[in-house]
Amino acid sequence: MKAAKTNGDEYDLVIVDPPKLAPNKKALPRATSRYKRINAAALELVAPGGILLTFTCSAAMTQGGGFVGVVQSAAAAAGRTITLLKTVGPAADHVTNPCYPEGAYLTGAFFYVV
């Protein structure tokens, strides 16, 4: 992303799908900072009127409900205005056991970027 920013590149669609950054609740503060930094960098590459698709596969982030807020904070840091279009979870073939809530770890968010 650094090279694209240096080149002044902009894209109509940017997808952010990092690896698990918060393996547990203890790691959540550090992961939150990293998610914010990654999404702010990605938002700087989205052309006005473009779309950001961003994901987390960290149960601690998903179940805490803070993921969308982290992206909103990233947008403020990047000087961008975003509108949440939709949040998504795992596909129908990725079942979760109600006795194991940690299995519901995937969250995606679609944002319109101004």
PDB file of N, CA and C in Angstrom:
ATOM      1  N   MET A   1       0.816  -1.190   0.000  1.00  0.00           N
ATOM      2  CA  MET A   1       0.000   0.000   0.000  1.00  0.00           C
ATOM      3  C   MET A   1       0.861   1.256   0.000  1.00  0.00           C
ATOM      4  N   LYS A   2       2.043   1.158   0.584  1.00  0.00           N
ATOM      5  CA  LYS A   2       2.922   2.328   0.627  1.00  0.00           C
ATOM      6  C   LYS A   2       3.323   2.765  -0.775  1.00  0.00           C
ATOM      7  N   ALA A   3       3.663   1.791  -1.613  1.00  0.00           N
ATOM      8  CA  ALA A   3       4.078   2.120  -2.979  1.00  0.00           C
ATOM      9  C   ALA A   3       2.925   2.744  -3.756  1.00  0.00           C
ATOM     10  N   ALA A   4       1.729   2.207  -3.594  1.00  0.00           N
ATOM     11  CA  ALA A   4       0.569   2.759  -4.299  1.00  0.00           C
ATOM     12  C   ALA A   4       0.303   4.194  -3.859  1.00  0.00           C
ATOM     13  N   LYS A   5       0.434   4.450  -2.569  1.00  0.00           N
ATOM     14  CA  LYS A   5       0.229   5.815  -2.070  1.00  0.00           C
ATOM     15  C   LYS A   5       1.302   6.747  -2.623  1.00  0.00           C
ATOM     16  N   THR A   6       2.551   6.296  -2.614  1.00  0.00           N
ATOM     17  CA  THR A   6       3.654   7.103  -3.138  1.00  0.00           C
ATOM     18  C   THR A   6       3.425   7.449  -4.605  1.00  0.00           C
ATOM     19  N   ASN A   7       2.882   6.500  -5.364  1.00  0.00           N
ATOM     20  CA  ASN A   7       2.608   6.713  -6.789  1.00  0.00           C
ATOM     21  C   ASN A   7       1.347   7.539  -7.032  1.00  0.00           C
ATOM     22  N   GLY A   8       0.575   7.798  -5.975  1.00  0.00           N
ATOM     23  CA  GLY A   8      -0.672   8.543  -6.142  1.00  0.00           C
ATOM     24  C   GLY A   8      -1.797   7.706  -6.717  1.00  0.00           C
ATOM     25  N   ASP A   9      -1.670   6.391  -6.617  1.00  0.00           N
ATOM     26  CA  ASP A   9      -2.695   5.499  -7.164  1.00  0.00           C
ATOM     27  C   ASP A   9      -3.982   5.579  -6.349  1.00  0.00           C
ATOM     28  N   GLU A  10      -5.110   5.449  -7.032  1.00  0.00           N
ATOM     29  CA  GLU A  10      -6.420   5.363  -6.403  1.00  0.00           C
ATOM     30  C   GLU A  10      -7.191   4.232  -7.069  1.00  0.00           C
ATOM     31  N   TYR A  11      -8.048   3.602  -6.294  1.00  0.00           N
ATOM     32  CA  TYR A  11      -8.799   2.454  -6.789  1.00  0.00           C
ATOM     33  C   TYR A  11     -10.275   2.606  -6.443  1.00  0.00           C
ATOM     34  N   ASP A  12     -11.121   2.086  -7.307  1.00  0.00           N
ATOM     35  CA  ASP A  12     -12.562   2.110  -7.054  1.00  0.00           C
ATOM     36  C   ASP A  12     -12.959   1.113  -5.973  1.00  0.00           C
ATOM     37  N   LEU A  13     -12.163   0.074  -5.809  1.00  0.00           N
ATOM     38  CA  LEU A  13     -12.439  -0.973  -4.828  1.00  0.00           C
ATOM     39  C   LEU A  13     -11.134  -1.368  -4.155  1.00  0.00           C
ATOM     40  N   VAL A  14     -11.126  -1.341  -2.833  1.00  0.00           N
ATOM     41  CA  VAL A  14      -9.973  -1.804  -2.065  1.00  0.00           C
ATOM     42  C   VAL A  14     -10.485  -2.838  -1.068  1.00  0.00           C
ATOM     43  N   ILE A  15      -9.817  -3.991  -1.024  1.00  0.00           N
ATOM     44  CA  ILE A  15     -10.190  -5.072  -0.119  1.00  0.00           C
ATOM     45  C   ILE A  15      -9.084  -5.254   0.908  1.00  0.00           C
ATOM     46  N   VAL A  16      -9.476  -5.254   2.183  1.00  0.00           N
ATOM     47  CA  VAL A  16      -8.537  -5.452   3.282  1.00  0.00           C
ATOM     48  C   VAL A  16      -8.927  -6.753   3.977  1.00  0.00           C
ATOM     49  N   ASP A  17      -8.035  -7.729   3.957  1.00  0.00           N
ATOM     50  CA  ASP A  17      -8.308  -9.034   4.569  1.00  0.00           C
ATOM     51  C   ASP A  17      -7.050  -9.523   5.284  1.00  0.00           C
ATOM     52  N   PRO A  18      -6.709  -8.884   6.411  1.00  0.00           N
ATOM     53  CA  PRO A  18      -5.481  -9.257   7.115  1.00  0.00           C
ATOM     54  C   PRO A  18      -5.633 -10.587   7.851  1.00  0.00           C
ATOM     55  N   PRO A  19      -4.521 -11.164   8.272  1.00  0.00           N
ATOM     56  CA  PRO A  19      -4.594 -12.374   9.093  1.00  0.00           C
ATOM     57  C   PRO A  19      -5.166 -12.032  10.473  1.00  0.00           C
ATOM     58  N   LYS A  20      -5.403 -13.050  11.274  1.00  0.00           N
ATOM     59  CA  LYS A  20      -5.913 -12.829  12.630  1.00  0.00           C
ATOM     60  C   LYS A  20      -4.924 -11.966  13.404  1.00  0.00           C
ATOM     61  N   LEU A  21      -5.392 -10.829  13.887  1.00  0.00           N
ATOM     62  CA  LEU A  21      -4.532  -9.912  14.630  1.00  0.00           C
ATOM     63  C   LEU A  21      -4.805  -9.956  16.131  1.00  0.00           C
ATOM     64  N   ALA A  22      -5.958 -10.480  16.525  1.00  0.00           N
ATOM     65  CA  ALA A  22      -6.299 -10.573  17.948  1.00  0.00           C
ATOM     66  C   ALA A  22      -6.685 -12.011  18.278  1.00  0.00           C
ATOM     67  N   PRO A  23      -5.699 -12.850  18.614  1.00  0.00           N
ATOM     68  CA  PRO A  23      -6.016 -14.241  18.921  1.00  0.00           C
ATOM     69  C   PRO A  23      -6.804 -14.401  20.226  1.00  0.00           C
ATOM     70  N   ASN A  24      -6.818 -13.351  21.061  1.00  0.00           N
ATOM     71  CA  ASN A  24      -7.563 -13.392  22.323  1.00  0.00           C
ATOM     72  C   ASN A  24      -7.857 -11.958  22.765  1.00  0.00           C
ATOM     73  N   LYS A  25      -8.645 -11.825  23.833  1.00  0.00           N
ATOM     74  CA  LYS A  25      -9.033 -10.485  24.299  1.00  0.00           C
ATOM     75  C   LYS A  25      -7.840  -9.679  24.789  1.00  0.00           C
ATOM     76  N   LYS A  26      -6.844 -10.349  25.312  1.00  0.00           N
ATOM     77  CA  LYS A  26      -5.651  -9.648  25.803  1.00  0.00           C
ATOM     78  C   LYS A  26      -4.937  -8.915  24.663  1.00  0.00           C
ATOM     79  N   ALA A  27      -4.982  -9.480  23.478  1.00  0.00           N
ATOM     80  CA  ALA A  27      -4.310  -8.898  22.311  1.00  0.00           C
ATOM     81  C   ALA A  27      -5.145  -7.817  21.622  1.00  0.00           C
ATOM     82  N   LEU A  28      -6.363  -7.596  22.094  1.00  0.00           N
ATOM     83  CA  LEU A  28      -7.284  -6.683  21.409  1.00  0.00           C
ATOM     84  C   LEU A  28      -6.784  -5.239  21.308  1.00  0.00           C
ATOM     85  N   PRO A  29      -6.203  -4.640  22.349  1.00  0.00           N
ATOM     86  CA  PRO A  29      -5.734  -3.251  22.196  1.00  0.00           C
ATOM     87  C   PRO A  29      -4.688  -3.085  21.088  1.00  0.00           C
ATOM     88  N   ARG A  30      -3.734  -3.984  21.034  1.00  0.00           N
ATOM     89  CA  ARG A  30      -2.707  -3.910  19.980  1.00  0.00           C
ATOM     90  C   ARG A  30      -3.334  -4.157  18.607  1.00  0.00           C
ATOM     91  N   ALA A  31      -4.215  -5.143  18.545  1.00  0.00           N
ATOM     92  CA  ALA A  31      -4.868  -5.457  17.274  1.00  0.00           C
ATOM     93  C   ALA A  31      -5.729  -4.292  16.797  1.00  0.00           C
ATOM     94  N   THR A  32      -6.415  -3.639  17.713  1.00  0.00           N
ATOM     95  CA  THR A  32      -7.248  -2.491  17.352  1.00  0.00           C
ATOM     96  C   THR A  32      -6.405  -1.413  16.691  1.00  0.00           C
ATOM     97  N   SER A  33      -5.251  -1.154  17.260  1.00  0.00           N
ATOM     98  CA  SER A  33      -4.336  -0.164  16.679  1.00  0.00           C
ATOM     99  C   SER A  33      -3.887  -0.580  15.285  1.00  0.00           C
ATOM    100  N   ARG A  34      -3.595  -1.855  15.119  1.00  0.00           N
ATOM    101  CA  ARG A  34      -3.143  -2.349  13.811  1.00  0.00           C
ATOM    102  C   ARG A  34      -4.268  -2.302  12.781  1.00  0.00           C
ATOM    103  N   TYR A  35      -5.482  -2.717  13.183  1.00  0.00           N
ATOM    104  CA  TYR A  35      -6.623  -2.635  12.262  1.00  0.00           C
ATOM    105  C   TYR A  35      -6.867  -1.187  11.843  1.00  0.00           C
ATOM    106  N   LYS A  36      -6.761  -0.268  12.781  1.00  0.00           N
ATOM    107  CA  LYS A  36      -6.963   1.147  12.457  1.00  0.00           C
ATOM    108  C   LYS A  36      -5.913   1.618  11.458  1.00  0.00           C
ATOM    109  N   ARG A  37      -4.664   1.285  11.697  1.00  0.00           N
ATOM    110  CA  ARG A  37      -3.573   1.711  10.814  1.00  0.00           C
ATOM    111  C   ARG A  37      -3.736   1.113   9.412  1.00  0.00           C
ATOM    112  N   ILE A  38      -4.046  -0.166   9.338  1.00  0.00           N
ATOM    113  CA  ILE A  38      -4.207  -0.845   8.041  1.00  0.00           C
ATOM    114  C   ILE A  38      -5.374  -0.237   7.264  1.00  0.00           C
ATOM    115  N   ASN A  39      -6.493  -0.032   7.937  1.00  0.00           N
ATOM    116  CA  ASN A  39      -7.671   0.509   7.251  1.00  0.00           C
ATOM    117  C   ASN A  39      -7.492   1.965   6.863  1.00  0.00           C
ATOM    118  N   ALA A  40      -6.790   2.744   7.682  1.00  0.00           N
ATOM    119  CA  ALA A  40      -6.513   4.139   7.311  1.00  0.00           C
ATOM    120  C   ALA A  40      -5.666   4.181   6.041  1.00  0.00           C
ATOM    121  N   ALA A  41      -4.658   3.318   5.977  1.00  0.00           N
ATOM    122  CA  ALA A  41      -3.810   3.263   4.778  1.00  0.00           C
ATOM    123  C   ALA A  41      -4.629   2.843   3.556  1.00  0.00           C
ATOM    124  N   ALA A  42      -5.515   1.871   3.735  1.00  0.00           N
ATOM    125  CA  ALA A  42      -6.351   1.417   2.622  1.00  0.00           C
ATOM    126  C   ALA A  42      -7.305   2.522   2.170  1.00  0.00           C
ATOM    127  N   LEU A  43      -7.880   3.237   3.123  1.00  0.00           N
ATOM    128  CA  LEU A  43      -8.818   4.310   2.780  1.00  0.00           C
ATOM    129  C   LEU A  43      -8.157   5.422   1.983  1.00  0.00           C
ATOM    130  N   GLU A  44      -6.883   5.641   2.189  1.00  0.00           N
ATOM    131  CA  GLU A  44      -6.165   6.657   1.418  1.00  0.00           C
ATOM    132  C   GLU A  44      -6.037   6.268  -0.053  1.00  0.00           C
ATOM    133  N   LEU A  45      -6.257   4.995  -0.355  1.00  0.00           N
ATOM    134  CA  LEU A  45      -6.147   4.510  -1.732  1.00  0.00           C
ATOM    135  C   LEU A  45      -7.489   4.414  -2.453  1.00  0.00           C
ATOM    136  N   VAL A  46      -8.586   4.572  -1.713  1.00  0.00           N
ATOM    137  CA  VAL A  46      -9.909   4.464  -2.331  1.00  0.00           C
ATOM    138  C   VAL A  46     -10.257   5.788  -3.009  1.00  0.00           C
ATOM    139  N   ALA A  47     -10.590   5.709  -4.280  1.00  0.00           N
ATOM    140  CA  ALA A  47     -11.012   6.901  -5.025  1.00  0.00           C
ATOM    141  C   ALA A  47     -12.334   7.412  -4.457  1.00  0.00           C
ATOM    142  N   PRO A  48     -12.568   8.722  -4.516  1.00  0.00           N
ATOM    143  CA  PRO A  48     -13.862   9.238  -4.066  1.00  0.00           C
ATOM    144  C   PRO A  48     -15.000   8.526  -4.799  1.00  0.00           C
ATOM    145  N   GLY A  49     -15.983   8.072  -4.038  1.00  0.00           N
ATOM    146  CA  GLY A  49     -17.082   7.311  -4.614  1.00  0.00           C
ATOM    147  C   GLY A  49     -16.791   5.829  -4.693  1.00  0.00           C
ATOM    148  N   GLY A  50     -15.635   5.414  -4.179  1.00  0.00           N
ATOM    149  CA  GLY A  50     -15.243   4.011  -4.221  1.00  0.00           C
ATOM    150  C   GLY A  50     -15.749   3.224  -3.020  1.00  0.00           C
ATOM    151  N   ILE A  51     -15.355   1.971  -2.989  1.00  0.00           N
ATOM    152  CA  ILE A  51     -15.818   1.035  -1.967  1.00  0.00           C
ATOM    153  C   ILE A  51     -14.620   0.429  -1.236  1.00  0.00           C
ATOM    154  N   LEU A  52     -14.744   0.350   0.077  1.00  0.00           N
ATOM    155  CA  LEU A  52     -13.786  -0.383   0.902  1.00  0.00           C
ATOM    156  C   LEU A  52     -14.494  -1.609   1.445  1.00  0.00           C
ATOM    157  N   LEU A  53     -13.924  -2.779   1.189  1.00  0.00           N
ATOM    158  CA  LEU A  53     -14.379  -4.025   1.806  1.00  0.00           C
ATOM    159  C   LEU A  53     -13.298  -4.402   2.798  1.00  0.00           C
ATOM    160  N   THR A  54     -13.644  -4.517   4.056  1.00  0.00           N
ATOM    161  CA  THR A  54     -12.643  -4.834   5.058  1.00  0.00           C
ATOM    162  C   THR A  54     -13.149  -5.944   5.968  1.00  0.00           C
ATOM    163  N   PHE A  55     -12.233  -6.777   6.402  1.00  0.00           N
ATOM    164  CA  PHE A  55     -12.600  -7.979   7.145  1.00  0.00           C
ATOM    165  C   PHE A  55     -11.740  -8.152   8.381  1.00  0.00           C
ATOM    166  N   THR A  56     -12.284  -8.877   9.346  1.00  0.00           N
ATOM    167  CA  THR A  56     -11.518  -9.347  10.488  1.00  0.00           C
ATOM    168  C   THR A  56     -11.890 -10.804  10.728  1.00  0.00           C
ATOM    169  N   CYS A  57     -10.893 -11.595  11.027  1.00  0.00           N
ATOM    170  CA  CYS A  57     -11.140 -12.990  11.385  1.00  0.00           C
ATOM    171  C   CYS A  57     -10.714 -13.231  12.833  1.00  0.00           C
ATOM    172  N   SER A  58     -10.745 -12.181  13.631  1.00  0.00           N
ATOM    173  CA  SER A  58     -10.393 -12.260  15.044  1.00  0.00           C
ATOM    174  C   SER A  58     -11.671 -12.260  15.875  1.00  0.00           C
ATOM    175  N   ALA A  59     -11.929 -13.364  16.563  1.00  0.00           N
ATOM    176  CA  ALA A  59     -13.147 -13.473  17.368  1.00  0.00           C
ATOM    177  C   ALA A  59     -13.233 -12.363  18.403  1.00  0.00           C
ATOM    178  N   ALA A  60     -12.110 -11.999  19.000  1.00  0.00           N
ATOM    179  CA  ALA A  60     -12.125 -10.947  20.024  1.00  0.00           C
ATOM    180  C   ALA A  60     -12.617  -9.627  19.440  1.00  0.00           C
ATOM    181  N   MET A  61     -12.273  -9.335  18.214  1.00  0.00           N
ATOM    182  CA  MET A  61     -12.714  -8.097  17.561  1.00  0.00           C
ATOM    183  C   MET A  61     -14.179  -8.213  17.135  1.00  0.00           C
ATOM    184  N   THR A  62     -14.549  -9.334  16.560  1.00  0.00           N
ATOM    185  CA  THR A  62     -15.912  -9.547  16.078  1.00  0.00           C
ATOM    186  C   THR A  62     -16.910  -9.550  17.222  1.00  0.00           C
ATOM    187  N   GLN A  63     -16.628 -10.319  18.259  1.00  0.00           N
ATOM    188  CA  GLN A  63     -17.585 -10.471  19.349  1.00  0.00           C
ATOM    189  C   GLN A  63     -17.647  -9.250  20.247  1.00  0.00           C
ATOM    190  N   GLY A  64     -16.610  -8.446  20.236  1.00  0.00           N
ATOM    191  CA  GLY A  64     -16.646  -7.206  20.998  1.00  0.00           C
ATOM    192  C   GLY A  64     -17.490  -6.142  20.319  1.00  0.00           C
ATOM    193  N   GLY A  65     -17.797  -6.362  19.039  1.00  0.00           N
ATOM    194  CA  GLY A  65     -18.643  -5.444  18.294  1.00  0.00           C
ATOM    195  C   GLY A  65     -17.975  -4.140  17.910  1.00  0.00           C
ATOM    196  N   GLY A  66     -16.664  -4.065  18.047  1.00  0.00           N
ATOM    197  CA  GLY A  66     -15.985  -2.804  17.807  1.00  0.00           C
ATOM    198  C   GLY A  66     -15.386  -2.620  16.431  1.00  0.00           C
ATOM    199  N   PHE A  67     -15.535  -3.593  15.560  1.00  0.00           N
ATOM    200  CA  PHE A  67     -14.843  -3.534  14.277  1.00  0.00           C
ATOM    201  C   PHE A  67     -15.275  -2.333  13.438  1.00  0.00           C
ATOM    202  N   VAL A  68     -16.560  -2.102  13.309  1.00  0.00           N
ATOM    203  CA  VAL A  68     -17.037  -0.971  12.504  1.00  0.00           C
ATOM    204  C   VAL A  68     -16.534   0.343  13.102  1.00  0.00           C
ATOM    205  N   GLY A  69     -16.521   0.440  14.411  1.00  0.00           N
ATOM    206  CA  GLY A  69     -16.004   1.638  15.072  1.00  0.00           C
ATOM    207  C   GLY A  69     -14.536   1.873  14.793  1.00  0.00           C
ATOM    208  N   VAL A  70     -13.767   0.789  14.722  1.00  0.00           N
ATOM    209  CA  VAL A  70     -12.344   0.908  14.400  1.00  0.00           C
ATOM    210  C   VAL A  70     -12.180   1.465  12.989  1.00  0.00           C
ATOM    211  N   VAL A  71     -12.993   0.996  12.052  1.00  0.00           N
ATOM    212  CA  VAL A  71     -12.903   1.492  10.676  1.00  0.00           C
ATOM    213  C   VAL A  71     -13.358   2.951  10.611  1.00  0.00           C
ATOM    214  N   GLN A  72     -14.361   3.317  11.380  1.00  0.00           N
ATOM    215  CA  GLN A  72     -14.788   4.722  11.426  1.00  0.00           C
ATOM    216  C   GLN A  72     -13.660   5.601  11.962  1.00  0.00           C
ATOM    217  N   SER A  73     -12.958   5.119  12.964  1.00  0.00           N
ATOM    218  CA  SER A  73     -11.814   5.850  13.513  1.00  0.00           C
ATOM    219  C   SER A  73     -10.698   5.958  12.474  1.00  0.00           C
ATOM    220  N   ALA A  74     -10.490   4.894  11.716  1.00  0.00           N
ATOM    221  CA  ALA A  74      -9.482   4.905  10.653  1.00  0.00           C
ATOM    222  C   ALA A  74      -9.841   5.936   9.588  1.00  0.00           C
ATOM    223  N   ALA A  75     -11.120   6.029   9.264  1.00  0.00           N
ATOM    224  CA  ALA A  75     -11.563   7.009   8.265  1.00  0.00           C
ATOM    225  C   ALA A  75     -11.282   8.429   8.746  1.00  0.00           C
ATOM    226  N   ALA A  76     -11.548   8.690  10.007  1.00  0.00           N
ATOM    227  CA  ALA A  76     -11.268  10.020  10.558  1.00  0.00           C
ATOM    228  C   ALA A  76      -9.774  10.317  10.485  1.00  0.00           C
ATOM    229  N   ALA A  77      -8.953   9.324  10.809  1.00  0.00           N
ATOM    230  CA  ALA A  77      -7.499   9.501  10.759  1.00  0.00           C
ATOM    231  C   ALA A  77      -7.014   9.754   9.338  1.00  0.00           C
ATOM    232  N   ALA A  78      -7.692   9.143   8.360  1.00  0.00           N
ATOM    233  CA  ALA A  78      -7.310   9.301   6.956  1.00  0.00           C
ATOM    234  C   ALA A  78      -7.970  10.521   6.313  1.00  0.00           C
ATOM    235  N   GLY A  79      -8.826  11.204   7.055  1.00  0.00           N
ATOM    236  CA  GLY A  79      -9.519  12.365   6.494  1.00  0.00           C
ATOM    237  C   GLY A  79     -10.580  11.995   5.481  1.00  0.00           C
ATOM    238  N   ARG A  80     -11.186  10.824   5.648  1.00  0.00           N
ATOM    239  CA  ARG A  80     -12.206  10.353   4.707  1.00  0.00           C
ATOM    240  C   ARG A  80     -13.548  10.224   5.406  1.00  0.00           C
ATOM    241  N   THR A  81     -14.601  10.366   4.638  1.00  0.00           N
ATOM    242  CA  THR A  81     -15.953  10.156   5.135  1.00  0.00           C
ATOM    243  C   THR A  81     -16.440   8.833   4.577  1.00  0.00           C
ATOM    244  N   ILE A  82     -16.972   7.985   5.448  1.00  0.00           N
ATOM    245  CA  ILE A  82     -17.452   6.678   5.010  1.00  0.00           C
ATOM    246  C   ILE A  82     -18.900   6.477   5.433  1.00  0.00           C
ATOM    247  N   THR A  83     -19.580   5.646   4.661  1.00  0.00           N
ATOM    248  CA  THR A  83     -20.939   5.229   4.986  1.00  0.00           C
ATOM    249  C   THR A  83     -20.966   3.712   4.976  1.00  0.00           C
ATOM    250  N   LEU A  84     -21.433   3.129   6.066  1.00  0.00           N
ATOM    251  CA  LEU A  84     -21.543   1.676   6.142  1.00  0.00           C
ATOM    252  C   LEU A  84     -22.685   1.213   5.250  1.00  0.00           C
ATOM    253  N   LEU A  85     -22.373   0.355   4.300  1.00  0.00           N
ATOM    254  CA  LEU A  85     -23.386  -0.183   3.404  1.00  0.00           C
ATOM    255  C   LEU A  85     -23.946  -1.496   3.921  1.00  0.00           C
ATOM    256  N   LYS A  86     -23.049  -2.331   4.468  1.00  0.00           N
ATOM    257  CA  LYS A  86     -23.485  -3.665   4.879  1.00  0.00           C
ATOM    258  C   LYS A  86     -22.402  -4.321   5.720  1.00  0.00           C
ATOM    259  N   THR A  87     -22.816  -5.126   6.688  1.00  0.00           N
ATOM    260  CA  THR A  87     -21.873  -6.007   7.374  1.00  0.00           C
ATOM    261  C   THR A  87     -22.255  -7.438   7.029  1.00  0.00           C
ATOM    262  N   VAL A  88     -21.259  -8.286   6.970  1.00  0.00           N
ATOM    263  CA  VAL A  88     -21.484  -9.687   6.618  1.00  0.00           C
ATOM    264  C   VAL A  88     -20.711 -10.582   7.579  1.00  0.00           C
ATOM    265  N   GLY A  89     -21.155 -11.817   7.640  1.00  0.00           N
ATOM    266  CA  GLY A  89     -20.475 -12.839   8.423  1.00  0.00           C
ATOM    267  C   GLY A  89     -20.044 -13.963   7.503  1.00  0.00           C
ATOM    268  N   PRO A  90     -19.801 -15.114   8.068  1.00  0.00           N
ATOM    269  CA  PRO A  90     -19.363 -16.236   7.243  1.00  0.00           C
ATOM    270  C   PRO A  90     -20.474 -16.722   6.308  1.00  0.00           C
ATOM    271  N   ALA A  91     -20.066 -17.418   5.274  1.00  0.00           N
ATOM    272  CA  ALA A  91     -21.012 -17.991   4.316  1.00  0.00           C
ATOM    273  C   ALA A  91     -21.830 -19.095   4.990  1.00  0.00           C
ATOM    274  N   ALA A  92     -22.919 -19.469   4.360  1.00  0.00           N
ATOM    275  CA  ALA A  92     -23.820 -20.474   4.918  1.00  0.00           C
ATOM    276  C   ALA A  92     -23.130 -21.814   5.158  1.00  0.00           C
ATOM    277  N   ASP A  93     -22.095 -22.113   4.380  1.00  0.00           N
ATOM    278  CA  ASP A  93     -21.404 -23.389   4.562  1.00  0.00           C
ATOM    279  C   ASP A  93     -20.330 -23.326   5.652  1.00  0.00           C
ATOM    280  N   HIS A  94     -20.229 -22.201   6.332  1.00  0.00           N
ATOM    281  CA  HIS A  94     -19.269 -22.030   7.433  1.00  0.00           C
ATOM    282  C   HIS A  94     -20.084 -21.963   8.722  1.00  0.00           C
ATOM    283  N   VAL A  95     -20.588 -23.113   9.133  1.00  0.00           N
ATOM    284  CA  VAL A  95     -21.500 -23.160  10.275  1.00  0.00           C
ATOM    285  C   VAL A  95     -20.761 -22.909  11.588  1.00  0.00           C
ATOM    286  N   THR A  96     -21.487 -22.390  12.561  1.00  0.00           N
ATOM    287  CA  THR A  96     -20.915 -22.180  13.886  1.00  0.00           C
ATOM    288  C   THR A  96     -21.751 -22.927  14.913  1.00  0.00           C
ATOM    289  N   ASN A  97     -21.080 -23.455  15.894  1.00  0.00           N
ATOM    290  CA  ASN A  97     -21.721 -24.203  16.958  1.00  0.00           C
ATOM    291  C   ASN A  97     -22.151 -23.224  18.047  1.00  0.00           C
ATOM    292  N   PRO A  98     -23.426 -23.194  18.416  1.00  0.00           N
ATOM    293  CA  PRO A  98     -23.863 -22.261  19.445  1.00  0.00           C
ATOM    294  C   PRO A  98     -23.198 -22.500  20.801  1.00  0.00           C
ATOM    295  N   CYS A  99     -22.653 -23.679  21.002  1.00  0.00           N
ATOM    296  CA  CYS A  99     -21.937 -23.979  22.246  1.00  0.00           C
ATOM    297  C   CYS A  99     -20.496 -23.489  22.199  1.00  0.00           C
ATOM    298  N   TYR A 100     -20.078 -22.992  21.051  1.00  0.00           N
ATOM    299  CA  TYR A 100     -18.711 -22.493  20.874  1.00  0.00           C
ATOM    300  C   TYR A 100     -18.777 -21.140  20.166  1.00  0.00           C
ATOM    301  N   PRO A 101     -19.149 -20.083  20.897  1.00  0.00           N
ATOM    302  CA  PRO A 101     -19.323 -18.774  20.260  1.00  0.00           C
ATOM    303  C   PRO A 101     -18.044 -18.221  19.638  1.00  0.00           C
ATOM    304  N   GLU A 102     -16.887 -18.680  20.098  1.00  0.00           N
ATOM    305  CA  GLU A 102     -15.622 -18.227  19.517  1.00  0.00           C
ATOM    306  C   GLU A 102     -15.504 -18.616  18.053  1.00  0.00           C
ATOM    307  N   GLY A 103     -16.321 -19.581  17.628  1.00  0.00           N
ATOM    308  CA  GLY A 103     -16.306 -20.008  16.237  1.00  0.00           C
ATOM    309  C   GLY A 103     -16.903 -18.979  15.289  1.00  0.00           C
ATOM    310  N   ALA A 104     -17.638 -18.026  15.829  1.00  0.00           N
ATOM    311  CA  ALA A 104     -18.224 -16.952  15.008  1.00  0.00           C
ATOM    312  C   ALA A 104     -17.235 -15.795  14.972  1.00  0.00           C
ATOM    313  N   TYR A 105     -16.199 -15.957  14.191  1.00  0.00           N
ATOM    314  CA  TYR A 105     -15.083 -15.007  14.232  1.00  0.00           C
ATOM    315  C   TYR A 105     -14.963 -14.113  13.005  1.00  0.00           C
ATOM    316  N   LEU A 106     -15.681 -14.382  11.953  1.00  0.00           N
ATOM    317  CA  LEU A 106     -15.493 -13.629  10.711  1.00  0.00           C
ATOM    318  C   LEU A 106     -16.516 -12.503  10.585  1.00  0.00           C
ATOM    319  N   THR A 107     -16.025 -11.309  10.352  1.00  0.00           N
ATOM    320  CA  THR A 107     -16.886 -10.157  10.093  1.00  0.00           C
ATOM    321  C   THR A 107     -16.314  -9.370   8.924  1.00  0.00           C
ATOM    322  N   GLY A 108     -17.187  -8.976   8.031  1.00  0.00           N
ATOM    323  CA  GLY A 108     -16.798  -8.110   6.924  1.00  0.00           C
ATOM    324  C   GLY A 108     -17.685  -6.882   6.916  1.00  0.00           C
ATOM    325  N   ALA A 109     -17.151  -5.776   6.425  1.00  0.00           N
ATOM    326  CA  ALA A 109     -17.924  -4.542   6.345  1.00  0.00           C
ATOM    327  C   ALA A 109     -17.663  -3.874   5.001  1.00  0.00           C
ATOM    328  N   PHE A 110     -18.739  -3.421   4.372  1.00  0.00           N
ATOM    329  CA  PHE A 110     -18.673  -2.738   3.084  1.00  0.00           C
ATOM    330  C   PHE A 110     -18.949  -1.261   3.337  1.00  0.00           C
ATOM    331  N   PHE A 111     -18.044  -0.398   2.899  1.00  0.00           N
ATOM    332  CA  PHE A 111     -18.193   1.039   3.105  1.00  0.00           C
ATOM    333  C   PHE A 111     -18.123   1.791   1.785  1.00  0.00           C
ATOM    334  N   TYR A 112     -18.986   2.789   1.646  1.00  0.00           N
ATOM    335  CA  TYR A 112     -18.900   3.760   0.559  1.00  0.00           C
ATOM    336  C   TYR A 112     -17.975   4.862   1.059  1.00  0.00           C
ATOM    337  N   VAL A 113     -17.022   5.269   0.230  1.00  0.00           N
ATOM    338  CA  VAL A 113     -15.995   6.224   0.652  1.00  0.00           C
ATOM    339  C   VAL A 113     -16.107   7.507  -0.165  1.00  0.00           C
ATOM    340  N   VAL A 114     -16.161   8.632   0.544  1.00  0.00           N
ATOM    341  CA  VAL A 114     -16.227   9.943  -0.116  1.00  0.00           C
ATOM    342  C   VAL A 114     -14.855  10.580  -0.057  1.00  0.00           C
TER     343      VAL A 114
END
